Amino acid sequence: MSIWKELYDIVEKEFGRWQNRQHKQQALLFEIQSNLLFLAEALQANVPADKIVAGLEHQAFDKALEQGLELDRRQVSVRTIGEFDEFKKYLGKDSVYMVKNAYAKMNALRKLVQADDQQDYDLKLKSLFRFMVLLLAHLEQKPLISK
């Protein structure tokens, strides 16, 4: 086998891995956007917490976690959080941490609602919504702007 064939095979394999990684990232980003939009609409419409939690998707995250969650290791910056003091605790945290934290929060909320669906989870849902806004801004490299 010639050295050119070997080099071509290596480049082709690495390009395939890169494409696969990009696809997983895009699927995860879409799922986060979808969950955020769903949360916004559900909170505005006063949908019960059990219905909201049941509607949150996690398939892309589960798949990405199963195959090795690979994201750009960019860190949350002051530029991203803007003037929102509640997000200062996330400064310096990387994308993988932030995504895992979001899905951990959703999973914990799902378990709480299953354990006792008579509680008022409005504050926890709003907190999850705010965190998801931060997460999406971080992943899309857009600053949060207060008005």
Protein backbone atom coordinates (compact mmCIF):
# COMPACT_ATOMS: atom_id res chain seq x y z
CA MET A 1 0.00 0.00 0.00
CA SER A 2 1.38 3.40 -0.87
CA ILE A 3 1.96 6.12 1.65
CA TRP A 4 -0.55 8.31 -0.22
CA LYS A 5 -3.28 5.72 0.23
CA GLU A 6 -2.50 5.47 3.94
CA LEU A 7 -2.54 9.25 4.34
CA TYR A 8 -5.80 9.49 2.41
CA ASP A 9 -7.38 6.84 4.65
CA ILE A 10 -6.27 8.69 7.78
CA VAL A 11 -7.62 12.02 6.54
CA GLU A 12 -10.90 10.42 5.47
CA LYS A 13 -11.32 8.72 8.86
CA GLU A 14 -10.59 11.94 10.79
CA PHE A 15 -12.96 13.92 8.57
CA GLY A 16 -15.69 11.34 9.27
CA ARG A 17 -15.08 11.66 13.01
CA TRP A 18 -15.23 15.44 12.76
CA GLN A 19 -18.54 15.29 10.84
CA ASN A 20 -20.00 12.88 13.41
CA ARG A 21 -18.98 15.21 16.25
CA GLN A 22 -20.54 18.21 14.47
CA HIS A 23 -23.77 16.25 13.91
CA LYS A 24 -24.02 15.31 17.60
CA GLN A 25 -23.37 18.91 18.66
CA GLN A 26 -26.05 20.23 16.31
CA ALA A 27 -28.58 17.63 17.52
CA LEU A 28 -27.84 18.55 21.13
CA LEU A 29 -28.10 22.28 20.40
CA PHE A 30 -31.44 21.76 18.66
CA GLU A 31 -32.73 19.75 21.62
CA ILE A 32 -31.68 22.49 24.05
CA GLN A 33 -33.37 25.16 21.89
CA SER A 34 -36.50 23.03 21.63
CA ASN A 35 -36.63 22.48 25.41
CA LEU A 36 -36.12 26.18 26.04
CA LEU A 37 -38.94 27.19 23.69
CA PHE A 38 -41.21 24.53 25.18
CA LEU A 39 -40.44 25.73 28.72
CA ALA A 40 -41.19 29.34 27.77
CA GLU A 41 -44.53 28.49 26.18
CA ALA A 42 -45.54 26.04 28.91
CA LEU A 43 -44.71 28.48 31.72
CA GLN A 44 -46.62 31.26 29.98
CA ALA A 45 -49.64 28.99 29.50
CA ASN A 46 -49.52 27.76 33.14
CA VAL A 47 -49.18 24.13 32.09
CA PRO A 48 -48.95 21.82 35.15
CA ALA A 49 -45.41 20.87 36.22
CA ASP A 50 -45.91 17.16 35.54
CA LYS A 51 -46.88 17.89 31.93
CA ILE A 52 -43.94 20.26 31.47
CA VAL A 53 -41.43 17.80 32.85
CA ALA A 54 -42.87 15.02 30.70
CA GLY A 55 -42.46 17.21 27.63
CA LEU A 56 -38.77 17.94 28.12
CA GLU A 57 -36.63 15.98 25.66
CA HIS A 58 -33.35 14.27 26.46
CA GLN A 59 -32.73 11.77 23.65
CA ALA A 60 -29.92 13.74 21.96
CA PHE A 61 -28.21 14.26 25.30
CA ASP A 62 -28.52 10.58 26.21
CA LYS A 63 -27.09 9.58 22.84
CA ALA A 64 -24.24 12.09 23.05
CA LEU A 65 -23.43 10.98 26.60
CA GLU A 66 -23.51 7.34 25.58
CA GLN A 67 -21.10 7.97 22.70
CA GLY A 68 -18.88 10.36 24.64
CA LEU A 69 -20.07 13.93 25.05
CA GLU A 70 -17.72 16.03 22.95
CA LEU A 71 -18.21 19.78 22.95
CA ASP A 72 -15.95 22.76 22.52
CA ARG A 73 -14.38 23.30 25.93
CA ARG A 74 -15.11 27.02 25.87
CA GLN A 75 -15.76 28.54 29.30
CA VAL A 76 -18.59 30.76 30.47
CA SER A 77 -17.31 34.32 30.44
CA VAL A 78 -18.28 37.68 31.92
CA ARG A 79 -19.25 38.74 28.40
CA THR A 80 -21.81 35.92 28.25
CA ILE A 81 -23.47 36.50 31.62
CA GLY A 82 -23.62 40.26 31.25
CA GLU A 83 -25.00 41.95 34.35
CA PHE A 84 -26.85 38.91 35.68
CA ASP A 85 -25.35 38.26 39.12
CA GLU A 86 -27.21 34.97 39.53
CA PHE A 87 -24.97 33.46 36.82
CA LYS A 88 -21.61 34.50 38.32
CA LYS A 89 -21.27 31.08 39.93
CA TYR A 90 -20.93 29.59 36.42
CA LEU A 91 -17.99 31.76 35.36
CA GLY A 92 -15.13 29.55 34.20
CA LYS A 93 -17.33 26.45 33.80
CA ASP A 94 -16.95 24.74 30.45
CA SER A 95 -19.58 23.68 27.93
CA VAL A 96 -19.59 20.02 28.97
CA TYR A 97 -20.19 20.96 32.61
CA MET A 98 -22.99 23.35 31.63
CA VAL A 99 -24.79 20.83 29.41
CA LYS A 100 -24.50 18.04 31.99
CA ASN A 101 -25.75 20.44 34.68
CA ALA A 102 -28.80 21.38 32.61
CA TYR A 103 -29.79 17.78 32.05
CA ALA A 104 -29.08 16.91 35.69
CA LYS A 105 -31.46 19.70 36.72
CA MET A 106 -34.12 18.39 34.33
CA ASN A 107 -33.66 14.84 35.61
CA ALA A 108 -33.87 15.92 39.26
CA LEU A 109 -37.02 17.92 38.53
CA ARG A 110 -38.54 14.94 36.73
CA LYS A 111 -37.90 12.74 39.79
CA LEU A 112 -39.29 15.35 42.19
CA VAL A 113 -42.50 15.69 40.20
CA GLN A 114 -42.89 11.91 40.02
CA ALA A 115 -42.39 11.65 43.79
CA ASP A 116 -44.91 14.39 44.62
CA ASP A 117 -46.88 16.03 41.85
CA GLN A 118 -48.94 18.11 44.32
CA GLN A 119 -46.05 20.45 45.16
CA ASP A 120 -45.64 23.82 43.46
CA TYR A 121 -42.59 23.57 41.20
CA ASP A 122 -43.05 26.96 39.58
CA LEU A 123 -39.82 28.43 41.01
CA LYS A 124 -37.78 25.38 40.03
CA LEU A 125 -39.18 25.46 36.49
CA LYS A 126 -38.41 29.17 36.16
CA SER A 127 -34.91 28.56 37.50
CA LEU A 128 -34.40 25.81 34.92
CA PHE A 129 -35.67 28.17 32.23
CA ARG A 130 -33.17 30.88 33.23
CA PHE A 131 -30.33 28.37 33.29
CA MET A 132 -31.30 27.07 29.85
CA VAL A 133 -31.24 30.66 28.54
CA LEU A 134 -27.69 31.01 29.89
CA LEU A 135 -26.69 27.65 28.44
CA LEU A 136 -27.98 28.50 24.98
CA ALA A 137 -26.31 31.92 25.05
CA HIS A 138 -23.04 30.26 26.07
CA LEU A 139 -23.20 27.56 23.39
CA GLU A 140 -24.10 30.08 20.69
CA GLN A 141 -21.48 32.55 22.00
CA LYS A 142 -24.01 35.33 22.40
CA PRO A 143 -24.06 37.69 25.38
CA LEU A 144 -27.07 38.01 27.65
CA ILE A 145 -28.34 41.56 27.57
CA SER A 146 -30.43 43.08 30.35
CA LYS A 147 -33.00 45.69 29.50
